[in-house]
Amino acid sequence: MFTRLQEKISWRSGLTAVMALLLLLVLAPALFTKETALQITLANERGSLPDGFYIYQRLDERGIRIKSITPAKDSLIILLDSPEQASAAQTALEDLLPETYRISHSRQYPRWRWLYCFNRDISAI
């Protein structure tokens, strides 16, 4: 009876290990790729940031695919699929927006960046 229980436990743990490995293999590419970002800021202290929907429409017209546009402190962060898309978007935005805006490459954000926020919240407790 005891050996039957051991077989049942080892079968379940083996199946659990295989499922965990498969899940890791499926999610690994999404977790470790980086997103490319552009940052739009004001060149001087006066003025307001451009409308995110306007930016989205103009870049979409030029075939540039945007993942998201997020307001940040005194800037807009535009997440794009690839560095090539970021270069094309930067060129397009420099043509579209007046010189009162500064458009620069922002650092590349890993997709799992939300883990850092979670870690920071815990350490604040």
C-alpha atoms as a PDB file:
ATOM      1  CA  MET A   1       0.000   0.000   0.000  1.00  0.00           C
ATOM      2  CA  PHE A   2       2.845   2.363   0.846  1.00  0.00           C
ATOM      3  CA  THR A   3       4.544   1.744  -2.539  1.00  0.00           C
ATOM      4  CA  ARG A   4       1.299   2.472  -4.348  1.00  0.00           C
ATOM      5  CA  LEU A   5       1.131   5.837  -2.555  1.00  0.00           C
ATOM      6  CA  GLN A   6       4.751   6.557  -3.519  1.00  0.00           C
ATOM      7  CA  GLU A   7       4.004   5.746  -7.181  1.00  0.00           C
ATOM      8  CA  LYS A   8       1.011   8.073  -7.143  1.00  0.00           C
ATOM      9  CA  ILE A   9       3.029  10.907  -5.587  1.00  0.00           C
ATOM     10  CA  SER A  10       5.983  10.486  -7.954  1.00  0.00           C
ATOM     11  CA  TRP A  11       3.650  10.349 -10.980  1.00  0.00           C
ATOM     12  CA  ARG A  12       1.954  13.596  -9.929  1.00  0.00           C
ATOM     13  CA  SER A  13       5.199  15.372  -9.141  1.00  0.00           C
ATOM     14  CA  GLY A  14       6.656  14.266 -12.478  1.00  0.00           C
ATOM     15  CA  LEU A  15       3.602  15.553 -14.325  1.00  0.00           C
ATOM     16  CA  THR A  16       3.782  18.835 -12.397  1.00  0.00           C
ATOM     17  CA  ALA A  17       7.463  19.241 -13.278  1.00  0.00           C
ATOM     18  CA  VAL A  18       6.780  18.596 -16.979  1.00  0.00           C
ATOM     19  CA  MET A  19       3.887  21.103 -16.990  1.00  0.00           C
ATOM     20  CA  ALA A  20       6.039  23.736 -15.252  1.00  0.00           C
ATOM     21  CA  LEU A  21       8.828  23.203 -17.778  1.00  0.00           C
ATOM     22  CA  LEU A  22       6.415  23.535 -20.709  1.00  0.00           C
ATOM     23  CA  LEU A  23       4.945  26.705 -19.229  1.00  0.00           C
ATOM     24  CA  LEU A  24       8.419  28.153 -18.788  1.00  0.00           C
ATOM     25  CA  LEU A  25       9.345  27.318 -22.383  1.00  0.00           C
ATOM     26  CA  VAL A  26       6.198  29.014 -23.675  1.00  0.00           C
ATOM     27  CA  LEU A  27       6.553  32.156 -21.552  1.00  0.00           C
ATOM     28  CA  ALA A  28      10.344  32.644 -21.662  1.00  0.00           C
ATOM     29  CA  PRO A  29      10.498  34.546 -24.975  1.00  0.00           C
ATOM     30  CA  ALA A  30       7.817  36.972 -23.840  1.00  0.00           C
ATOM     31  CA  LEU A  31       9.496  37.540 -20.493  1.00  0.00           C
ATOM     32  CA  PHE A  32      12.994  38.245 -21.736  1.00  0.00           C
ATOM     33  CA  THR A  33      12.415  40.365 -24.834  1.00  0.00           C
ATOM     34  CA  LYS A  34      12.727  44.090 -24.418  1.00  0.00           C
ATOM     35  CA  GLU A  35      10.420  46.805 -25.617  1.00  0.00           C
ATOM     36  CA  THR A  36      11.857  49.846 -27.338  1.00  0.00           C
ATOM     37  CA  ALA A  37      10.613  53.212 -26.143  1.00  0.00           C
ATOM     38  CA  LEU A  38      10.649  56.833 -27.254  1.00  0.00           C
ATOM     39  CA  GLN A  39      10.215  59.694 -24.836  1.00  0.00           C
ATOM     40  CA  ILE A  40       8.659  63.033 -25.749  1.00  0.00           C
ATOM     41  CA  THR A  41       9.447  65.909 -23.388  1.00  0.00           C
ATOM     42  CA  LEU A  42       9.172  69.667 -23.542  1.00  0.00           C
ATOM     43  CA  ALA A  43      12.318  71.455 -24.681  1.00  0.00           C
ATOM     44  CA  ASN A  44      11.519  74.351 -22.341  1.00  0.00           C
ATOM     45  CA  GLU A  45       9.410  74.627 -19.208  1.00  0.00           C
ATOM     46  CA  ARG A  46       6.410  76.244 -20.866  1.00  0.00           C
ATOM     47  CA  GLY A  47       3.805  74.401 -22.866  1.00  0.00           C
ATOM     48  CA  SER A  48       1.963  71.139 -22.740  1.00  0.00           C
ATOM     49  CA  LEU A  49       2.631  67.710 -24.115  1.00  0.00           C
ATOM     50  CA  PRO A  50       1.026  66.651 -27.395  1.00  0.00           C
ATOM     51  CA  ASP A  51      -2.140  64.592 -27.349  1.00  0.00           C
ATOM     52  CA  GLY A  52      -1.394  60.859 -27.297  1.00  0.00           C
ATOM     53  CA  PHE A  53      -4.255  60.071 -29.674  1.00  0.00           C
ATOM     54  CA  TYR A  54      -2.914  62.593 -32.203  1.00  0.00           C
ATOM     55  CA  ILE A  55       0.519  60.937 -31.989  1.00  0.00           C
ATOM     56  CA  TYR A  56      -1.049  57.500 -32.403  1.00  0.00           C
ATOM     57  CA  GLN A  57      -3.045  58.556 -35.486  1.00  0.00           C
ATOM     58  CA  ARG A  58      -0.113  60.231 -37.224  1.00  0.00           C
ATOM     59  CA  LEU A  59       2.277  57.330 -36.639  1.00  0.00           C
ATOM     60  CA  ASP A  60      -0.368  54.791 -37.637  1.00  0.00           C
ATOM     61  CA  GLU A  61      -0.868  56.670 -40.923  1.00  0.00           C
ATOM     62  CA  ARG A  62       2.820  56.114 -41.637  1.00  0.00           C
ATOM     63  CA  GLY A  63       2.591  52.398 -40.871  1.00  0.00           C
ATOM     64  CA  ILE A  64       4.369  52.573 -37.525  1.00  0.00           C
ATOM     65  CA  ARG A  65       2.821  50.137 -35.057  1.00  0.00           C
ATOM     66  CA  ILE A  66       2.577  51.437 -31.490  1.00  0.00           C
ATOM     67  CA  LYS A  67       2.166  49.163 -28.493  1.00  0.00           C
ATOM     68  CA  SER A  68       1.217  51.903 -26.069  1.00  0.00           C
ATOM     69  CA  ILE A  69       1.470  55.590 -25.277  1.00  0.00           C
ATOM     70  CA  THR A  70       1.771  56.313 -21.579  1.00  0.00           C
ATOM     71  CA  PRO A  71       1.957  59.674 -19.851  1.00  0.00           C
ATOM     72  CA  ALA A  72       4.839  59.882 -17.404  1.00  0.00           C
ATOM     73  CA  LYS A  73       6.134  62.720 -15.290  1.00  0.00           C
ATOM     74  CA  ASP A  74       6.510  65.634 -17.734  1.00  0.00           C
ATOM     75  CA  SER A  75       6.743  63.296 -20.734  1.00  0.00           C
ATOM     76  CA  LEU A  76       5.024  60.769 -22.965  1.00  0.00           C
ATOM     77  CA  ILE A  77       6.491  57.278 -23.294  1.00  0.00           C
ATOM     78  CA  ILE A  78       5.778  55.502 -26.586  1.00  0.00           C
ATOM     79  CA  LEU A  79       6.436  51.751 -26.603  1.00  0.00           C
ATOM     80  CA  LEU A  80       7.244  50.211 -29.982  1.00  0.00           C
ATOM     81  CA  ASP A  81       8.003  46.725 -31.274  1.00  0.00           C
ATOM     82  CA  SER A  82      11.556  47.156 -32.521  1.00  0.00           C
ATOM     83  CA  PRO A  83      14.447  49.611 -32.694  1.00  0.00           C
ATOM     84  CA  GLU A  84      13.688  50.080 -36.414  1.00  0.00           C
ATOM     85  CA  GLN A  85      10.137  51.155 -35.562  1.00  0.00           C
ATOM     86  CA  ALA A  86      11.547  53.530 -32.933  1.00  0.00           C
ATOM     87  CA  SER A  87      13.888  55.156 -35.453  1.00  0.00           C
ATOM     88  CA  ALA A  88      11.062  55.554 -37.967  1.00  0.00           C
ATOM     89  CA  ALA A  89       8.787  56.971 -35.269  1.00  0.00           C
ATOM     90  CA  GLN A  90      11.448  59.419 -34.098  1.00  0.00           C
ATOM     91  CA  THR A  91      11.958  60.702 -37.646  1.00  0.00           C
ATOM     92  CA  ALA A  92       8.201  61.028 -38.172  1.00  0.00           C
ATOM     93  CA  LEU A  93       7.683  62.819 -34.865  1.00  0.00           C
ATOM     94  CA  GLU A  94      10.503  65.247 -35.582  1.00  0.00           C
ATOM     95  CA  ASP A  95       8.676  66.140 -38.816  1.00  0.00           C
ATOM     96  CA  LEU A  96       5.234  66.356 -37.172  1.00  0.00           C
ATOM     97  CA  LEU A  97       5.938  68.143 -33.907  1.00  0.00           C
ATOM     98  CA  PRO A  98       7.358  71.634 -33.483  1.00  0.00           C
ATOM     99  CA  GLU A  99      10.816  72.207 -32.058  1.00  0.00           C
ATOM    100  CA  THR A 100       9.341  72.878 -28.607  1.00  0.00           C
ATOM    101  CA  TYR A 101       9.361  69.092 -28.076  1.00  0.00           C
ATOM    102  CA  ARG A 102      12.379  66.888 -27.520  1.00  0.00           C
ATOM    103  CA  ILE A 103      12.098  63.333 -28.865  1.00  0.00           C
ATOM    104  CA  SER A 104      14.657  60.857 -27.605  1.00  0.00           C
ATOM    105  CA  HIS A 105      15.190  57.151 -27.297  1.00  0.00           C
ATOM    106  CA  SER A 106      14.283  56.002 -23.862  1.00  0.00           C
ATOM    107  CA  ARG A 107      15.860  52.973 -22.275  1.00  0.00           C
ATOM    108  CA  GLN A 108      14.554  49.570 -23.275  1.00  0.00           C
ATOM    109  CA  TYR A 109      12.051  48.219 -20.801  1.00  0.00           C
ATOM    110  CA  PRO A 110      11.863  44.494 -20.118  1.00  0.00           C
ATOM    111  CA  ARG A 111       8.321  43.145 -20.327  1.00  0.00           C
ATOM    112  CA  TRP A 112       8.512  41.972 -16.740  1.00  0.00           C
ATOM    113  CA  ARG A 113       9.195  45.488 -15.404  1.00  0.00           C
ATOM    114  CA  TRP A 114       6.045  45.282 -13.277  1.00  0.00           C
ATOM    115  CA  LEU A 115       7.996  42.932 -10.991  1.00  0.00           C
ATOM    116  CA  TYR A 116      10.226  45.845 -10.009  1.00  0.00           C
ATOM    117  CA  CYS A 117       7.197  47.882  -8.972  1.00  0.00           C
ATOM    118  CA  PHE A 118       5.944  44.969  -6.905  1.00  0.00           C
ATOM    119  CA  ASN A 119       9.344  44.586  -5.237  1.00  0.00           C
ATOM    120  CA  ARG A 120       9.547  48.320  -4.491  1.00  0.00           C
ATOM    121  CA  ASP A 121       6.083  48.279  -2.903  1.00  0.00           C
ATOM    122  CA  ILE A 122       7.045  45.427  -0.604  1.00  0.00           C
ATOM    123  CA  SER A 123      10.278  47.081   0.492  1.00  0.00           C
ATOM    124  CA  ALA A 124       8.355  50.251   1.397  1.00  0.00           C
ATOM    125  CA  ILE A 125       6.291  48.338   3.954  1.00  0.00           C
END
